[in-house]
Amino acid sequence: MVANHIPINAKIIGANEHESHYVFDLLYNNTSNIESDIHSTDTHGVNNVNFWILYAFCYQFAPRYKDLRGRSENGLYGFNNLSHYQDYLLKPIRKIKEPLIITEWPNVQKIMVSLALKATTQSIIIGKLSSYERKNRTKKAMWELDNIIRSLYVLDFIDNITIRRNVQRALNRGEAYQQLKRMVSHANFGRLKARTELEQQIWNECSRLITNCIIFYNATLLSELLAIKEKNKEYEEADLIKRVSPVGWQHINLRGRYQFRNKNHGINVAEIIDSWMGSTLRIV
């Protein structure tokens, strides 16, 4: 999970597991000081309950849809009969089953409380719901709740270009981080020297720590450079620097041997900036 450019939480899942089953777990188990209100994913992060679960915990689920036309024609639901929407450009495919939601609301509340108390995880809940028969009423009630929230989001996504841009920007930043992390792993020929699940988690967290260090290093240089440009009233260049991504590695040596000594000496940021000015900066 990446907030702006910072990877704040991560979890290793099996290749046979669907990533949408872990969206809420990543958000709710975030222990960093960075709190996210809106969570964006691609189509693989969408399932039949994520809109509702995140909404219930005051998060906004904001995925990107590739087939927006198909989603608008086959994924909208309303509270009135279909005849009520005859004059509308976008029409729901059917009416929300309100009696079902009201009847199953106590069971839905139990599931939400279990998630809130961390007595279980979203992946376990999804697994149990998936194992139920399709006609299970609690499962269908949660689908109906999800249909409500998803319909509202799709309408906002169509109507608001700012939402579409922000979602795309968030996903681009996530992809940029993944590219950097792949480069860090490539220093070991892309291989994970781990056998157990615990070793894999340690390896993954170490890779995330290294990428965070690179991002912090770049952000420090950019912040210092921005302060210099604003002090010199070079506002045009300052605005350009604000658009530069701190997720870059062209100037980082990711190979070779490193020696870490216990010497407390500061880094000459001004000297680094002077030599860094000629480097190619990646704009996002």
Protein backbone atom coordinates (compact mmCIF):
# COMPACT_ATOMS: atom_id res chain seq x y z
CA MET A 1 0.00 0.00 0.00
CA VAL A 2 1.51 3.28 -1.19
CA ALA A 3 0.40 6.66 0.21
CA ASN A 4 1.54 9.37 -2.20
CA HIS A 5 5.04 8.01 -2.85
CA ILE A 6 5.56 6.24 0.48
CA PRO A 7 5.04 2.46 0.80
CA ILE A 8 3.52 2.28 4.28
CA ASN A 9 2.30 -1.32 4.49
CA ALA A 10 2.85 -4.58 2.65
CA LYS A 11 1.74 -8.18 2.81
CA ILE A 12 2.87 -11.28 0.93
CA ILE A 13 0.00 -13.32 -0.49
CA GLY A 14 -0.06 -16.52 -2.49
CA ALA A 15 -0.10 -16.49 -6.28
CA ASN A 16 -3.45 -18.32 -6.16
CA GLU A 17 -5.09 -15.68 -3.93
CA HIS A 18 -7.01 -12.66 -5.15
CA GLU A 19 -5.54 -9.35 -4.04
CA SER A 20 -9.00 -7.82 -3.53
CA HIS A 21 -9.42 -10.03 -0.45
CA TYR A 22 -6.67 -8.10 1.34
CA VAL A 23 -7.56 -4.47 0.58
CA PHE A 24 -9.26 -3.81 3.91
CA ASP A 25 -6.62 -5.74 5.88
CA LEU A 26 -3.84 -3.54 4.46
CA LEU A 27 -5.72 -0.36 5.33
CA TYR A 28 -6.98 -1.34 8.77
CA ASN A 29 -3.68 -2.87 9.91
CA ASN A 30 -1.63 0.15 8.94
CA THR A 31 0.42 1.14 12.00
CA SER A 32 2.29 4.08 10.47
CA ASN A 33 1.58 7.75 11.16
CA ILE A 34 0.34 8.17 7.59
CA GLU A 35 -3.40 7.58 7.41
CA SER A 36 -5.16 7.15 4.10
CA ASP A 37 -8.81 8.08 3.54
CA ILE A 38 -9.08 7.05 -0.12
CA HIS A 39 -7.80 3.77 -1.50
CA SER A 40 -7.34 3.20 -5.23
CA THR A 41 -6.68 -0.08 -7.03
CA ASP A 42 -6.94 -1.41 -10.53
CA THR A 43 -9.65 -3.85 -11.55
CA HIS A 44 -7.97 -6.72 -9.66
CA GLY A 45 -8.69 -4.98 -6.35
CA VAL A 46 -12.47 -5.02 -6.87
CA ASN A 47 -14.86 -7.68 -5.56
CA ASN A 48 -18.48 -7.81 -4.44
CA VAL A 49 -17.99 -6.43 -0.91
CA ASN A 50 -15.00 -4.06 -0.89
CA PHE A 51 -17.05 -0.93 -1.53
CA TRP A 52 -19.30 -1.67 1.40
CA ILE A 53 -16.61 -2.81 3.86
CA LEU A 54 -14.39 0.22 3.26
CA TYR A 55 -17.39 2.57 3.39
CA ALA A 56 -18.45 1.10 6.74
CA PHE A 57 -15.01 1.97 8.15
CA CYS A 58 -14.98 5.52 6.75
CA TYR A 59 -12.68 4.77 3.81
CA GLN A 60 -13.48 5.64 0.23
CA PHE A 61 -12.78 2.86 -2.23
CA ALA A 62 -11.75 4.42 -5.55
CA PRO A 63 -10.75 1.79 -8.13
CA ARG A 64 -9.97 2.45 -11.76
CA TYR A 65 -12.31 0.88 -14.28
CA LYS A 66 -11.06 0.00 -17.76
CA ASP A 67 -14.49 -0.77 -19.21
CA LEU A 68 -16.33 2.22 -17.79
CA ARG A 69 -19.02 2.04 -20.47
CA GLY A 70 -19.85 -1.54 -19.59
CA ARG A 71 -19.79 -0.73 -15.89
CA SER A 72 -22.22 2.16 -16.35
CA GLU A 73 -24.59 0.05 -18.46
CA ASN A 74 -24.55 -3.10 -16.32
CA GLY A 75 -23.41 -2.03 -12.85
CA LEU A 76 -25.84 0.64 -11.64
CA TYR A 77 -28.63 0.03 -9.11
CA GLY A 78 -31.44 2.27 -7.88
CA PHE A 79 -34.02 2.48 -5.10
CA ASN A 80 -37.01 3.04 -7.39
CA ASN A 81 -38.69 0.95 -10.05
CA LEU A 82 -37.01 0.97 -13.46
CA SER A 83 -39.86 3.02 -14.94
CA HIS A 84 -38.76 5.91 -12.73
CA TYR A 85 -35.48 6.21 -14.69
CA GLN A 86 -36.85 6.14 -18.25
CA ASP A 87 -35.79 9.72 -18.99
CA TYR A 88 -32.31 9.36 -17.51
CA LEU A 89 -29.20 8.95 -19.65
CA LEU A 90 -27.79 6.31 -17.30
CA LYS A 91 -30.25 3.75 -16.02
CA PRO A 92 -29.98 1.13 -13.27
CA ILE A 93 -30.34 -2.51 -14.19
CA ARG A 94 -32.66 -3.28 -11.28
CA LYS A 95 -33.98 -2.10 -7.92
CA ILE A 96 -32.04 -2.57 -4.68
CA LYS A 97 -33.52 -5.30 -2.46
CA GLU A 98 -34.12 -3.19 0.63
CA PRO A 99 -36.19 -5.82 2.56
CA LEU A 100 -33.28 -8.26 2.28
CA ILE A 101 -30.83 -5.71 3.73
CA ILE A 102 -33.18 -4.88 6.61
CA THR A 103 -33.77 -8.55 7.45
CA GLU A 104 -30.07 -9.50 7.35
CA TRP A 105 -28.78 -6.31 8.98
CA PRO A 106 -28.07 -7.98 12.39
CA ASN A 107 -25.89 -10.62 10.68
CA VAL A 108 -24.12 -7.97 8.63
CA GLN A 109 -23.41 -6.02 11.84
CA LYS A 110 -21.82 -9.11 13.41
CA ILE A 111 -19.42 -9.39 10.48
CA MET A 112 -18.51 -5.71 10.70
CA VAL A 113 -17.89 -5.94 14.46
CA SER A 114 -15.62 -8.95 13.94
CA LEU A 115 -13.56 -6.94 11.47
CA ALA A 116 -13.48 -3.89 13.74
CA LEU A 117 -12.26 -5.89 16.74
CA LYS A 118 -9.74 -7.71 14.52
CA ALA A 119 -11.23 -10.99 15.67
CA THR A 120 -10.91 -12.06 12.06
CA THR A 121 -9.53 -10.70 8.79
CA GLN A 122 -11.15 -9.67 5.55
CA SER A 123 -9.50 -12.55 3.69
CA ILE A 124 -11.09 -15.07 6.10
CA ILE A 125 -14.50 -13.36 5.85
CA ILE A 126 -14.33 -13.35 2.04
CA GLY A 127 -13.26 -16.98 2.04
CA LYS A 128 -16.23 -17.98 4.19
CA LEU A 129 -18.69 -15.93 2.15
CA SER A 130 -17.33 -17.46 -1.06
CA SER A 131 -17.85 -20.94 0.33
CA TYR A 132 -21.51 -20.23 1.03
CA GLU A 133 -24.14 -21.07 -1.50
CA ARG A 134 -25.04 -18.27 -3.87
CA LYS A 135 -28.52 -18.04 -2.35
CA ASN A 136 -27.16 -17.38 1.17
CA ARG A 137 -29.12 -14.36 2.41
CA THR A 138 -26.36 -12.69 4.43
CA LYS A 139 -24.01 -12.91 1.49
CA LYS A 140 -26.62 -11.45 -0.85
CA ALA A 141 -27.39 -8.64 1.62
CA MET A 142 -23.73 -7.59 1.67
CA TRP A 143 -23.72 -7.66 -2.11
CA GLU A 144 -26.73 -5.35 -2.13
CA LEU A 145 -25.01 -2.91 0.24
CA ASP A 146 -21.96 -3.00 -2.01
CA ASN A 147 -24.14 -2.30 -5.05
CA ILE A 148 -25.37 0.91 -3.43
CA ILE A 149 -21.93 2.32 -2.67
CA ARG A 150 -20.46 1.16 -5.98
CA SER A 151 -23.28 2.78 -7.98
CA LEU A 152 -22.67 6.12 -6.26
CA TYR A 153 -18.94 5.86 -6.97
CA VAL A 154 -19.39 4.96 -10.63
CA LEU A 155 -21.64 8.00 -11.12
CA ASP A 156 -19.08 10.26 -9.43
CA PHE A 157 -16.27 8.66 -11.44
CA ILE A 158 -18.10 9.40 -14.70
CA ASP A 159 -19.09 12.93 -13.73
CA ASN A 160 -15.89 14.18 -12.05
CA ILE A 161 -12.69 14.36 -14.06
CA THR A 162 -10.72 15.24 -10.92
CA ILE A 163 -11.58 11.86 -9.39
CA ARG A 164 -10.43 10.06 -12.53
CA ARG A 165 -7.15 11.97 -12.60
CA ASN A 166 -6.47 11.38 -8.91
CA VAL A 167 -7.13 7.65 -9.22
CA GLN A 168 -4.80 7.38 -12.23
CA ARG A 169 -2.14 9.44 -10.45
CA ALA A 170 -2.33 7.22 -7.37
CA LEU A 171 -1.94 4.06 -9.45
CA ASN A 172 0.98 5.58 -11.38
CA ARG A 173 2.77 6.25 -8.10
CA GLY A 174 2.19 2.68 -7.01
CA GLU A 175 3.63 1.40 -10.30
CA ALA A 176 6.66 3.68 -9.92
CA TYR A 177 7.34 2.22 -6.47
CA GLN A 178 7.02 -1.32 -7.84
CA GLN A 179 9.60 -0.52 -10.53
CA LEU A 180 12.01 0.80 -7.91
CA LYS A 181 11.50 -2.25 -5.72
CA ARG A 182 12.12 -4.54 -8.68
CA MET A 183 15.41 -2.74 -9.32
CA VAL A 184 16.40 -3.25 -5.68
CA SER A 185 15.60 -6.95 -5.96
CA HIS A 186 17.40 -7.18 -9.30
CA ALA A 187 20.64 -6.49 -7.46
CA ASN A 188 20.28 -10.12 -6.33
CA PHE A 189 19.30 -11.24 -9.86
CA GLY A 190 15.64 -10.99 -8.82
CA ARG A 191 15.82 -14.04 -6.60
CA LEU A 192 14.40 -14.36 -3.11
CA LYS A 193 16.82 -16.19 -0.83
CA ALA A 194 14.06 -17.39 1.44
CA ARG A 195 12.43 -20.73 2.08
CA THR A 196 9.92 -20.20 4.88
CA GLU A 197 7.05 -17.74 4.94
CA LEU A 198 8.71 -15.80 7.77
CA GLU A 199 11.93 -15.44 5.75
CA GLN A 200 9.91 -14.20 2.78
CA GLN A 201 8.22 -11.58 4.96
CA ILE A 202 11.58 -10.43 6.34
CA TRP A 203 13.02 -10.22 2.84
CA ASN A 204 10.02 -8.25 1.63
CA GLU A 205 10.20 -5.79 4.54
CA CYS A 206 13.94 -5.32 4.02
CA SER A 207 13.32 -4.52 0.35
CA ARG A 208 10.65 -2.03 1.38
CA LEU A 209 13.04 -0.45 3.90
CA ILE A 210 15.70 0.06 1.22
CA THR A 211 13.21 1.60 -1.21
CA ASN A 212 11.92 3.87 1.55
CA CYS A 213 15.48 5.02 2.24
CA ILE A 214 15.95 5.88 -1.45
CA ILE A 215 12.64 7.76 -1.55
CA PHE A 216 13.53 9.65 1.64
CA TYR A 217 16.96 10.52 0.23
CA ASN A 218 15.43 11.87 -2.97
CA ALA A 219 12.69 13.76 -1.10
CA THR A 220 15.32 15.43 1.12
CA LEU A 221 17.27 16.65 -1.90
CA LEU A 222 14.13 17.85 -3.68
CA SER A 223 12.90 19.70 -0.58
CA GLU A 224 16.25 21.46 -0.17
CA LEU A 225 16.36 22.33 -3.85
CA LEU A 226 12.80 23.66 -3.72
CA ALA A 227 13.66 25.87 -0.75
CA ILE A 228 16.63 27.30 -2.67
CA LYS A 229 14.55 28.07 -5.76
CA GLU A 230 11.79 29.71 -3.74
CA LYS A 231 14.33 31.76 -1.80
CA ASN A 232 15.82 32.96 -5.09
CA LYS A 233 12.29 33.69 -6.37
CA GLU A 234 12.73 31.24 -9.24
CA TYR A 235 9.07 30.30 -9.08
CA GLU A 236 8.81 28.66 -12.48
CA GLU A 237 11.55 26.18 -11.65
CA ALA A 238 10.08 25.75 -8.15
CA ASP A 239 6.75 24.71 -9.65
CA LEU A 240 8.59 22.20 -11.85
CA ILE A 241 10.40 20.70 -8.86
CA LYS A 242 7.07 20.17 -7.07
CA ARG A 243 6.12 17.82 -9.91
CA VAL A 244 9.29 15.75 -9.75
CA SER A 245 8.84 12.24 -8.39
CA PRO A 246 11.11 11.20 -5.49
CA VAL A 247 10.85 7.63 -6.78
CA GLY A 248 13.99 7.52 -8.92
CA TRP A 249 17.13 5.41 -8.90
CA GLN A 250 19.25 6.46 -11.90
CA HIS A 251 21.71 8.15 -9.52
CA ILE A 252 21.71 5.27 -6.99
CA ASN A 253 24.34 2.52 -7.13
CA LEU A 254 22.37 -0.63 -6.44
CA ARG A 255 25.26 -3.02 -7.04
CA GLY A 256 28.64 -3.67 -5.53
CA ARG A 257 29.81 -3.96 -1.94
CA TYR A 258 28.90 -1.57 0.84
CA GLN A 259 30.58 -0.78 4.11
CA PHE A 260 28.62 0.68 7.01
CA ARG A 261 30.70 2.37 9.68
CA ASN A 262 29.60 3.92 12.95
CA LYS A 263 30.72 7.42 12.06
CA ASN A 264 28.30 10.21 12.81
CA HIS A 265 29.01 12.62 9.99
CA GLY A 266 26.43 14.68 8.21
CA ILE A 267 25.68 14.64 4.51
CA ASN A 268 26.60 17.73 2.53
CA VAL A 269 23.25 18.24 0.83
CA ALA A 270 24.36 21.42 -0.97
CA GLU A 271 27.27 19.58 -2.57
CA ILE A 272 25.03 16.73 -3.67
CA ILE A 273 22.52 19.13 -5.19
CA ASP A 274 25.25 20.84 -7.22
CA SER A 275 26.26 17.51 -8.72
CA TRP A 276 22.64 16.34 -9.01
CA MET A 277 21.38 19.32 -11.00
CA GLY A 278 22.63 17.86 -14.23
CA SER A 279 20.84 14.56 -13.74
CA THR A 280 17.65 13.69 -15.56
CA LEU A 281 14.62 14.19 -13.35
CA ARG A 282 11.50 12.17 -13.95
CA ILE A 283 8.29 14.20 -14.02
CA VAL A 284 4.95 12.71 -12.89
